[in-house]
Amino acid sequence: MRFEDELVELLPRLRRFARGLTGNTSDADDLCQAAIERALKSQDQWSHGTRLDSWMYRITRNLWIDDRRAAGRRGIHAPIDDAVTQVAGDDAAQVEAGVVGGDVDKAMARLPDEQREVVLLVLVEGYAYREAADILDVPIGTVTSRLARGRESLMQMLGEAA
């Protein structure tokens, strides 16, 4: 399979990861685009036969960290909440699912960055602890403790929302 085809296949997962990091769809799309551009420019640095998804998550995360640092130097930026721009359907189940999803998104956004990254990789993307540790370049014990704290915080925040 060609490199570009593998990138296209990975895009939905990468976009979901970026959405979890940034907290909104618009910034996630921008982050994905930047990550894809970086990957295409740096294609020769990826070793064929290794995990493209891990490499792409690392690129995405590093770009996100760089953007956060730059934003800190520029000053606070408050993005428009995606929920404000969405129109709910008439179906009660659809509305309820949107509310629950919004609660989860808000709770995820309140997690510290390092906990949110681990929760996204392990609980949302399904990576093993070792794989998440490799992507984040931290010891596996750090992944374990961040995940435990992240789960606990999410349960508390979602319990408050109920």
N, C-alpha and C. Protein backbone atom coordinates (compact mmCIF):
# COMPACT_ATOMS: atom_id res chain seq x y z
N MET A 1 0.85 -1.18 0.00
CA MET A 1 0.00 0.00 0.00
C MET A 1 0.89 1.24 0.00
N ARG A 2 0.51 2.22 -0.81
CA ARG A 2 1.28 3.46 -0.88
C ARG A 2 1.17 4.26 0.41
N PHE A 3 2.19 5.04 0.68
CA PHE A 3 2.24 5.89 1.87
C PHE A 3 1.00 6.78 1.95
N GLU A 4 0.66 7.43 0.85
CA GLU A 4 -0.48 8.34 0.82
C GLU A 4 -1.79 7.60 1.13
N ASP A 5 -1.93 6.40 0.61
CA ASP A 5 -3.14 5.60 0.87
C ASP A 5 -3.25 5.23 2.34
N GLU A 6 -2.11 4.90 2.94
CA GLU A 6 -2.12 4.59 4.37
C GLU A 6 -2.50 5.81 5.20
N LEU A 7 -2.05 6.99 4.79
CA LEU A 7 -2.42 8.23 5.48
C LEU A 7 -3.92 8.47 5.39
N VAL A 8 -4.48 8.29 4.22
CA VAL A 8 -5.92 8.49 4.03
C VAL A 8 -6.70 7.52 4.91
N GLU A 9 -6.26 6.28 4.98
CA GLU A 9 -6.93 5.27 5.80
C GLU A 9 -6.87 5.63 7.29
N LEU A 10 -5.80 6.26 7.71
CA LEU A 10 -5.59 6.63 9.10
C LEU A 10 -6.33 7.91 9.49
N LEU A 11 -6.75 8.69 8.53
CA LEU A 11 -7.31 10.02 8.78
C LEU A 11 -8.46 10.07 9.79
N PRO A 12 -9.46 9.19 9.74
CA PRO A 12 -10.55 9.29 10.74
C PRO A 12 -10.03 9.14 12.18
N ARG A 13 -9.12 8.22 12.40
CA ARG A 13 -8.57 8.03 13.75
C ARG A 13 -7.72 9.24 14.16
N LEU A 14 -6.95 9.73 13.23
CA LEU A 14 -6.10 10.89 13.51
C LEU A 14 -6.96 12.11 13.82
N ARG A 15 -8.05 12.27 13.07
CA ARG A 15 -8.94 13.39 13.31
C ARG A 15 -9.61 13.30 14.68
N ARG A 16 -10.00 12.09 15.08
CA ARG A 16 -10.61 11.89 16.40
C ARG A 16 -9.61 12.23 17.50
N PHE A 17 -8.35 11.81 17.32
CA PHE A 17 -7.30 12.13 18.30
C PHE A 17 -7.09 13.64 18.38
N ALA A 18 -7.03 14.28 17.23
CA ALA A 18 -6.83 15.74 17.20
C ALA A 18 -8.01 16.46 17.85
N ARG A 19 -9.22 15.95 17.62
CA ARG A 19 -10.42 16.55 18.23
C ARG A 19 -10.34 16.46 19.75
N GLY A 20 -9.86 15.33 20.22
CA GLY A 20 -9.72 15.17 21.66
C GLY A 20 -8.67 16.09 22.25
N LEU A 21 -7.60 16.33 21.51
CA LEU A 21 -6.55 17.23 22.00
C LEU A 21 -7.00 18.68 21.99
N THR A 22 -7.61 19.10 20.90
CA THR A 22 -7.92 20.52 20.73
C THR A 22 -9.23 20.94 21.38
N GLY A 23 -10.17 20.01 21.44
CA GLY A 23 -11.45 20.32 22.05
C GLY A 23 -12.48 20.88 21.09
N ASN A 24 -12.12 21.10 19.82
CA ASN A 24 -13.13 21.54 18.86
C ASN A 24 -12.77 21.08 17.46
N THR A 25 -13.78 20.98 16.64
CA THR A 25 -13.64 20.40 15.31
C THR A 25 -12.77 21.24 14.38
N SER A 26 -12.94 22.53 14.42
CA SER A 26 -12.19 23.41 13.52
C SER A 26 -10.69 23.32 13.78
N ASP A 27 -10.30 23.44 15.04
CA ASP A 27 -8.88 23.34 15.38
C ASP A 27 -8.35 21.95 15.09
N ALA A 28 -9.18 20.92 15.30
CA ALA A 28 -8.76 19.55 15.01
C ALA A 28 -8.48 19.37 13.53
N ASP A 29 -9.34 19.93 12.70
CA ASP A 29 -9.12 19.84 11.25
C ASP A 29 -7.83 20.54 10.85
N ASP A 30 -7.58 21.71 11.44
CA ASP A 30 -6.34 22.44 11.16
C ASP A 30 -5.13 21.63 11.60
N LEU A 31 -5.24 21.02 12.78
CA LEU A 31 -4.14 20.21 13.31
C LEU A 31 -3.89 18.99 12.42
N CYS A 32 -4.95 18.33 11.98
CA CYS A 32 -4.80 17.18 11.08
C CYS A 32 -4.14 17.59 9.77
N GLN A 33 -4.58 18.71 9.23
CA GLN A 33 -3.99 19.17 7.98
C GLN A 33 -2.50 19.44 8.15
N ALA A 34 -2.14 20.09 9.24
CA ALA A 34 -0.72 20.37 9.49
C ALA A 34 0.08 19.08 9.67
N ALA A 35 -0.51 18.10 10.35
CA ALA A 35 0.18 16.83 10.57
C ALA A 35 0.37 16.08 9.25
N ILE A 36 -0.64 16.07 8.41
CA ILE A 36 -0.54 15.41 7.10
C ILE A 36 0.51 16.11 6.25
N GLU A 37 0.50 17.44 6.26
CA GLU A 37 1.51 18.19 5.50
C GLU A 37 2.91 17.85 5.99
N ARG A 38 3.09 17.83 7.30
CA ARG A 38 4.39 17.50 7.86
C ARG A 38 4.81 16.09 7.49
N ALA A 39 3.88 15.15 7.54
CA ALA A 39 4.18 13.76 7.19
C ALA A 39 4.59 13.64 5.72
N LEU A 40 3.87 14.32 4.85
CA LEU A 40 4.20 14.25 3.44
C LEU A 40 5.58 14.85 3.15
N LYS A 41 5.90 15.95 3.84
CA LYS A 41 7.22 16.57 3.66
C LYS A 41 8.33 15.72 4.26
N SER A 42 8.01 14.97 5.31
CA SER A 42 9.02 14.19 6.04
C SER A 42 8.90 12.70 5.77
N GLN A 43 8.25 12.34 4.71
CA GLN A 43 7.98 10.94 4.39
C GLN A 43 9.25 10.09 4.43
N ASP A 44 10.38 10.66 4.02
CA ASP A 44 11.63 9.90 4.00
C ASP A 44 12.14 9.56 5.40
N GLN A 45 11.61 10.22 6.45
CA GLN A 45 12.02 9.93 7.82
C GLN A 45 11.26 8.76 8.43
N TRP A 46 10.16 8.35 7.78
CA TRP A 46 9.38 7.22 8.26
C TRP A 46 9.96 5.94 7.67
N SER A 47 10.18 4.95 8.52
CA SER A 47 10.71 3.67 8.07
C SER A 47 9.57 2.77 7.66
N HIS A 48 9.52 2.42 6.36
CA HIS A 48 8.47 1.53 5.87
C HIS A 48 8.53 0.21 6.64
N GLY A 49 7.38 -0.27 7.06
CA GLY A 49 7.32 -1.49 7.86
C GLY A 49 7.12 -1.19 9.34
N THR A 50 7.32 0.07 9.74
CA THR A 50 7.03 0.46 11.12
C THR A 50 5.61 1.02 11.16
N ARG A 51 5.13 1.29 12.36
CA ARG A 51 3.74 1.71 12.53
C ARG A 51 3.56 3.17 12.13
N LEU A 52 2.85 3.37 11.05
CA LEU A 52 2.57 4.72 10.58
C LEU A 52 1.67 5.45 11.56
N ASP A 53 0.73 4.74 12.18
CA ASP A 53 -0.19 5.41 13.10
C ASP A 53 0.56 6.00 14.29
N SER A 54 1.50 5.27 14.86
CA SER A 54 2.28 5.80 15.98
C SER A 54 3.07 7.03 15.56
N TRP A 55 3.67 6.97 14.39
CA TRP A 55 4.45 8.09 13.87
C TRP A 55 3.55 9.32 13.68
N MET A 56 2.35 9.10 13.13
CA MET A 56 1.43 10.21 12.90
C MET A 56 0.88 10.80 14.20
N TYR A 57 0.60 9.94 15.18
CA TYR A 57 0.14 10.46 16.48
C TYR A 57 1.23 11.32 17.11
N ARG A 58 2.48 10.89 16.98
CA ARG A 58 3.59 11.66 17.54
C ARG A 58 3.69 13.02 16.84
N ILE A 59 3.59 13.03 15.53
CA ILE A 59 3.64 14.29 14.78
C ILE A 59 2.49 15.21 15.21
N THR A 60 1.29 14.65 15.29
CA THR A 60 0.11 15.43 15.68
C THR A 60 0.29 16.02 17.07
N ARG A 61 0.72 15.19 17.99
CA ARG A 61 0.91 15.64 19.38
C ARG A 61 1.97 16.75 19.45
N ASN A 62 3.08 16.56 18.75
CA ASN A 62 4.14 17.56 18.78
C ASN A 62 3.69 18.88 18.18
N LEU A 63 2.93 18.82 17.09
CA LEU A 63 2.39 20.05 16.51
C LEU A 63 1.43 20.74 17.47
N TRP A 64 0.61 19.95 18.14
CA TRP A 64 -0.35 20.50 19.10
C TRP A 64 0.39 21.18 20.26
N ILE A 65 1.43 20.53 20.77
CA ILE A 65 2.22 21.12 21.86
C ILE A 65 2.86 22.42 21.39
N ASP A 66 3.44 22.41 20.19
CA ASP A 66 4.05 23.62 19.65
C ASP A 66 3.03 24.75 19.52
N ASP A 67 1.82 24.41 19.05
CA ASP A 67 0.77 25.41 18.90
C ASP A 67 0.34 25.97 20.25
N ARG A 68 0.24 25.10 21.25
CA ARG A 68 -0.15 25.55 22.60
C ARG A 68 0.90 26.51 23.17
N ARG A 69 2.15 26.18 22.96
CA ARG A 69 3.22 27.06 23.44
C ARG A 69 3.16 28.42 22.74
N ALA A 70 2.97 28.39 21.43
CA ALA A 70 2.88 29.63 20.67
C ALA A 70 1.66 30.44 21.10
N ALA A 71 0.54 29.77 21.34
CA ALA A 71 -0.67 30.46 21.79
C ALA A 71 -0.44 31.11 23.15
N GLY A 72 0.32 30.45 24.01
CA GLY A 72 0.64 31.01 25.32
C GLY A 72 1.43 32.30 25.20
N ARG A 73 2.30 32.35 24.19
CA ARG A 73 3.08 33.57 23.97
C ARG A 73 2.22 34.68 23.37
N ARG A 74 1.22 34.30 22.56
CA ARG A 74 0.35 35.29 21.91
C ARG A 74 -0.73 35.79 22.84
N GLY A 75 -1.07 35.01 23.85
CA GLY A 75 -2.16 35.38 24.75
C GLY A 75 -3.28 34.36 24.66
N ILE A 76 -4.27 34.52 25.49
CA ILE A 76 -5.37 33.57 25.59
C ILE A 76 -6.28 33.68 24.39
N HIS A 77 -6.66 32.53 23.86
CA HIS A 77 -7.60 32.44 22.74
C HIS A 77 -8.75 31.56 23.18
N ALA A 78 -9.95 32.10 23.15
CA ALA A 78 -11.12 31.32 23.55
C ALA A 78 -11.90 30.90 22.31
N PRO A 79 -11.81 29.60 21.91
CA PRO A 79 -12.51 29.17 20.71
C PRO A 79 -14.01 29.16 20.92
N ILE A 80 -14.74 29.31 19.83
CA ILE A 80 -16.19 29.22 19.88
C ILE A 80 -16.55 27.77 20.16
N ASP A 81 -17.43 27.55 21.11
CA ASP A 81 -17.85 26.21 21.46
C ASP A 81 -18.61 25.59 20.29
N ASP A 82 -18.19 24.38 19.86
CA ASP A 82 -18.85 23.70 18.75
C ASP A 82 -20.33 23.50 19.01
N ALA A 83 -20.71 23.31 20.26
CA ALA A 83 -22.11 23.05 20.58
C ALA A 83 -22.98 24.24 20.19
N VAL A 84 -22.43 25.43 20.23
CA VAL A 84 -23.20 26.63 19.89
C VAL A 84 -23.55 26.64 18.41
N THR A 85 -22.66 26.06 17.58
CA THR A 85 -22.87 26.11 16.14
C THR A 85 -23.65 24.93 15.60
N GLN A 86 -24.01 23.97 16.43
CA GLN A 86 -24.74 22.79 15.98
C GLN A 86 -26.23 22.95 16.27
N VAL A 87 -27.05 22.43 15.37
CA VAL A 87 -28.49 22.46 15.54
C VAL A 87 -28.94 21.04 15.87
N ALA A 88 -29.68 20.89 16.97
CA ALA A 88 -30.14 19.56 17.38
C ALA A 88 -31.28 19.10 16.49
N GLY A 89 -31.36 17.77 16.31
CA GLY A 89 -32.45 17.19 15.54
C GLY A 89 -33.70 17.10 16.39
N ASP A 90 -34.81 16.69 15.79
CA ASP A 90 -36.08 16.57 16.50
C ASP A 90 -36.15 15.32 17.36
N ASP A 91 -35.38 14.31 17.02
CA ASP A 91 -35.44 13.04 17.73
C ASP A 91 -34.88 13.20 19.15
N ALA A 92 -35.65 12.82 20.15
CA ALA A 92 -35.24 12.98 21.55
C ALA A 92 -33.96 12.20 21.86
N ALA A 93 -33.83 11.00 21.29
CA ALA A 93 -32.63 10.20 21.53
C ALA A 93 -31.40 10.90 20.95
N GLN A 94 -31.56 11.52 19.79
CA GLN A 94 -30.45 12.24 19.18
C GLN A 94 -30.05 13.44 20.04
N VAL A 95 -31.02 14.15 20.55
CA VAL A 95 -30.74 15.29 21.42
C VAL A 95 -30.04 14.83 22.69
N GLU A 96 -30.54 13.76 23.31
CA GLU A 96 -29.93 13.24 24.53
C GLU A 96 -28.50 12.78 24.28
N ALA A 97 -28.27 12.10 23.17
CA ALA A 97 -26.92 11.64 22.83
C ALA A 97 -25.99 12.84 22.66
N GLY A 98 -26.51 13.92 22.07
CA GLY A 98 -25.71 15.13 21.91
C GLY A 98 -25.34 15.75 23.24
N VAL A 99 -26.28 15.74 24.19
CA VAL A 99 -26.02 16.29 25.52
C VAL A 99 -24.96 15.46 26.24
N VAL A 100 -25.12 14.12 26.19
CA VAL A 100 -24.15 13.24 26.84
C VAL A 100 -22.79 13.40 26.19
N GLY A 101 -22.76 13.43 24.85
CA GLY A 101 -21.50 13.63 24.14
C GLY A 101 -20.86 14.96 24.51
N GLY A 102 -21.69 15.99 24.63
CA GLY A 102 -21.18 17.30 25.04
C GLY A 102 -20.59 17.27 26.43
N ASP A 103 -21.25 16.52 27.35
CA ASP A 103 -20.72 16.39 28.71
C ASP A 103 -19.36 15.70 28.70
N VAL A 104 -19.23 14.65 27.90
CA VAL A 104 -17.96 13.93 27.81
C VAL A 104 -16.89 14.84 27.22
N ASP A 105 -17.24 15.56 26.15
CA ASP A 105 -16.28 16.47 25.54
C ASP A 105 -15.82 17.54 26.53
N LYS A 106 -16.77 18.09 27.28
CA LYS A 106 -16.41 19.12 28.26
C LYS A 106 -15.53 18.55 29.37
N ALA A 107 -15.86 17.34 29.81
CA ALA A 107 -15.05 16.70 30.85
C ALA A 107 -13.64 16.40 30.32
N MET A 108 -13.55 15.92 29.09
CA MET A 108 -12.23 15.65 28.49
C MET A 108 -11.42 16.94 28.39
N ALA A 109 -12.08 18.02 28.02
CA ALA A 109 -11.39 19.30 27.87
C ALA A 109 -10.85 19.81 29.21
N ARG A 110 -11.49 19.42 30.31
CA ARG A 110 -11.06 19.87 31.64
C ARG A 110 -9.89 19.06 32.18
N LEU A 111 -9.61 17.90 31.57
CA LEU A 111 -8.47 17.10 32.03
C LEU A 111 -7.16 17.83 31.72
N PRO A 112 -6.16 17.64 32.56
CA PRO A 112 -4.83 18.16 32.21
C PRO A 112 -4.36 17.51 30.89
N ASP A 113 -3.58 18.23 30.11
CA ASP A 113 -3.16 17.75 28.80
C ASP A 113 -2.58 16.34 28.84
N GLU A 114 -1.69 16.08 29.78
CA GLU A 114 -1.02 14.77 29.81
C GLU A 114 -1.99 13.64 30.12
N GLN A 115 -3.02 13.90 30.91
CA GLN A 115 -4.03 12.87 31.18
C GLN A 115 -4.93 12.69 29.96
N ARG A 116 -5.32 13.79 29.32
CA ARG A 116 -6.18 13.71 28.15
C ARG A 116 -5.51 12.92 27.03
N GLU A 117 -4.21 13.13 26.81
CA GLU A 117 -3.48 12.40 25.77
C GLU A 117 -3.55 10.90 26.02
N VAL A 118 -3.31 10.48 27.26
CA VAL A 118 -3.30 9.06 27.59
C VAL A 118 -4.71 8.47 27.46
N VAL A 119 -5.71 9.18 27.96
CA VAL A 119 -7.09 8.71 27.85
C VAL A 119 -7.47 8.54 26.38
N LEU A 120 -7.11 9.50 25.55
CA LEU A 120 -7.42 9.41 24.12
C LEU A 120 -6.75 8.20 23.48
N LEU A 121 -5.47 8.01 23.76
CA LEU A 121 -4.75 6.92 23.12
C LEU A 121 -5.21 5.55 23.61
N VAL A 122 -5.40 5.39 24.91
CA VAL A 122 -5.72 4.07 25.47
C VAL A 122 -7.21 3.77 25.41
N LEU A 123 -8.03 4.68 25.90
CA LEU A 123 -9.46 4.40 25.99
C LEU A 123 -10.22 4.67 24.69
N VAL A 124 -9.82 5.68 23.95
CA VAL A 124 -10.54 6.01 22.72
C VAL A 124 -9.96 5.27 21.52
N GLU A 125 -8.64 5.33 21.37
CA GLU A 125 -8.00 4.71 20.20
C GLU A 125 -7.65 3.24 20.42
N GLY A 126 -7.66 2.78 21.65
CA GLY A 126 -7.45 1.37 21.92
C GLY A 126 -6.01 0.90 21.92
N TYR A 127 -5.07 1.80 22.10
CA TYR A 127 -3.67 1.40 22.15
C TYR A 127 -3.36 0.71 23.47
N ALA A 128 -2.43 -0.23 23.42
CA ALA A 128 -1.92 -0.86 24.64
C ALA A 128 -1.08 0.18 25.39
N TYR A 129 -0.91 -0.04 26.67
CA TYR A 129 -0.14 0.90 27.49
C TYR A 129 1.27 1.11 26.90
N ARG A 130 1.92 0.03 26.46
CA ARG A 130 3.28 0.13 25.91
C ARG A 130 3.28 0.99 24.65
N GLU A 131 2.28 0.80 23.79
CA GLU A 131 2.20 1.59 22.56
C GLU A 131 1.98 3.06 22.89
N ALA A 132 1.10 3.34 23.82
CA ALA A 132 0.86 4.73 24.22
C ALA A 132 2.12 5.34 24.81
N ALA A 133 2.83 4.57 25.61
CA ALA A 133 4.09 5.05 26.19
C ALA A 133 5.10 5.39 25.10
N ASP A 134 5.16 4.55 24.08
CA ASP A 134 6.09 4.81 22.96
C ASP A 134 5.69 6.06 22.19
N ILE A 135 4.40 6.22 21.93
CA ILE A 135 3.92 7.40 21.20
C ILE A 135 4.23 8.68 21.97
N LEU A 136 4.00 8.64 23.28
CA LEU A 136 4.19 9.83 24.12
C LEU A 136 5.63 9.99 24.61
N ASP A 137 6.44 8.95 24.37
CA ASP A 137 7.84 8.96 24.80
C ASP A 137 7.97 9.15 26.31
N VAL A 138 7.17 8.35 27.04
CA VAL A 138 7.22 8.34 28.51
C VAL A 138 7.27 6.90 28.98
N PRO A 139 7.69 6.66 30.24
CA PRO A 139 7.68 5.30 30.77
C PRO A 139 6.26 4.75 30.88
N ILE A 140 6.13 3.43 30.83
CA ILE A 140 4.82 2.80 30.90
C ILE A 140 4.13 3.09 32.24
N GLY A 141 4.90 3.22 33.31
CA GLY A 141 4.34 3.56 34.62
C GLY A 141 3.68 4.93 34.61
N THR A 142 4.24 5.85 33.83
CA THR A 142 3.66 7.18 33.70
C THR A 142 2.31 7.10 32.99
N VAL A 143 2.24 6.27 31.96
CA VAL A 143 0.97 6.06 31.26
C VAL A 143 -0.07 5.50 32.23
N THR A 144 0.33 4.50 33.01
CA THR A 144 -0.58 3.86 33.96
C THR A 144 -1.12 4.86 34.97
N SER A 145 -0.25 5.67 35.54
CA SER A 145 -0.71 6.61 36.57
C SER A 145 -1.54 7.74 35.96
N ARG A 146 -1.15 8.24 34.78
CA ARG A 146 -1.94 9.30 34.15
C ARG A 146 -3.32 8.78 33.76
N LEU A 147 -3.38 7.54 33.29
CA LEU A 147 -4.66 6.96 32.91
C LEU A 147 -5.56 6.78 34.13
N ALA A 148 -4.99 6.31 35.22
CA ALA A 148 -5.78 6.12 36.45
C ALA A 148 -6.33 7.46 36.94
N ARG A 149 -5.48 8.49 36.96
CA ARG A 149 -5.95 9.82 37.39
C ARG A 149 -6.98 10.39 36.42
N GLY A 150 -6.75 10.18 35.13
CA GLY A 150 -7.68 10.67 34.12
C GLY A 150 -9.05 10.01 34.22
N ARG A 151 -9.05 8.69 34.41
CA ARG A 151 -10.32 7.97 34.57
C ARG A 151 -11.07 8.46 35.80
N GLU A 152 -10.35 8.59 36.89
CA GLU A 152 -10.97 9.05 38.14
C GLU A 152 -11.58 10.44 37.96
N SER A 153 -10.82 11.33 37.35
CA SER A 153 -11.32 12.70 37.14
C SER A 153 -12.55 12.70 36.23
N LEU A 154 -12.50 11.91 35.17
CA LEU A 154 -13.66 11.84 34.27
C LEU A 154 -14.90 11.31 34.99
N MET A 155 -14.73 10.27 35.77
CA MET A 155 -15.88 9.72 36.50
C MET A 155 -16.46 10.76 37.44
N GLN A 156 -15.61 11.51 38.14
CA GLN A 156 -16.10 12.55 39.04
C GLN A 156 -16.82 13.64 38.28
N MET A 157 -16.21 14.11 37.17
CA MET A 157 -16.84 15.19 36.41
C MET A 157 -18.14 14.74 35.77
N LEU A 158 -18.19 13.54 35.24
CA LEU A 158 -19.42 13.05 34.61
C LEU A 158 -20.48 12.73 35.64
N GLY A 159 -20.05 12.35 36.84
CA GLY A 159 -21.00 12.14 37.93
C GLY A 159 -21.66 13.44 38.33
N GLU A 160 -20.89 14.52 38.30
CA GLU A 160 -21.43 15.86 38.61
C GLU A 160 -22.42 16.31 37.54
N ALA A 161 -22.18 15.89 36.28
CA ALA A 161 -23.04 16.32 35.18
C ALA A 161 -24.37 15.61 35.17
N ALA A 162 -24.44 14.45 35.82
CA ALA A 162 -25.69 13.66 35.79
C ALA A 162 -26.78 14.26 36.63
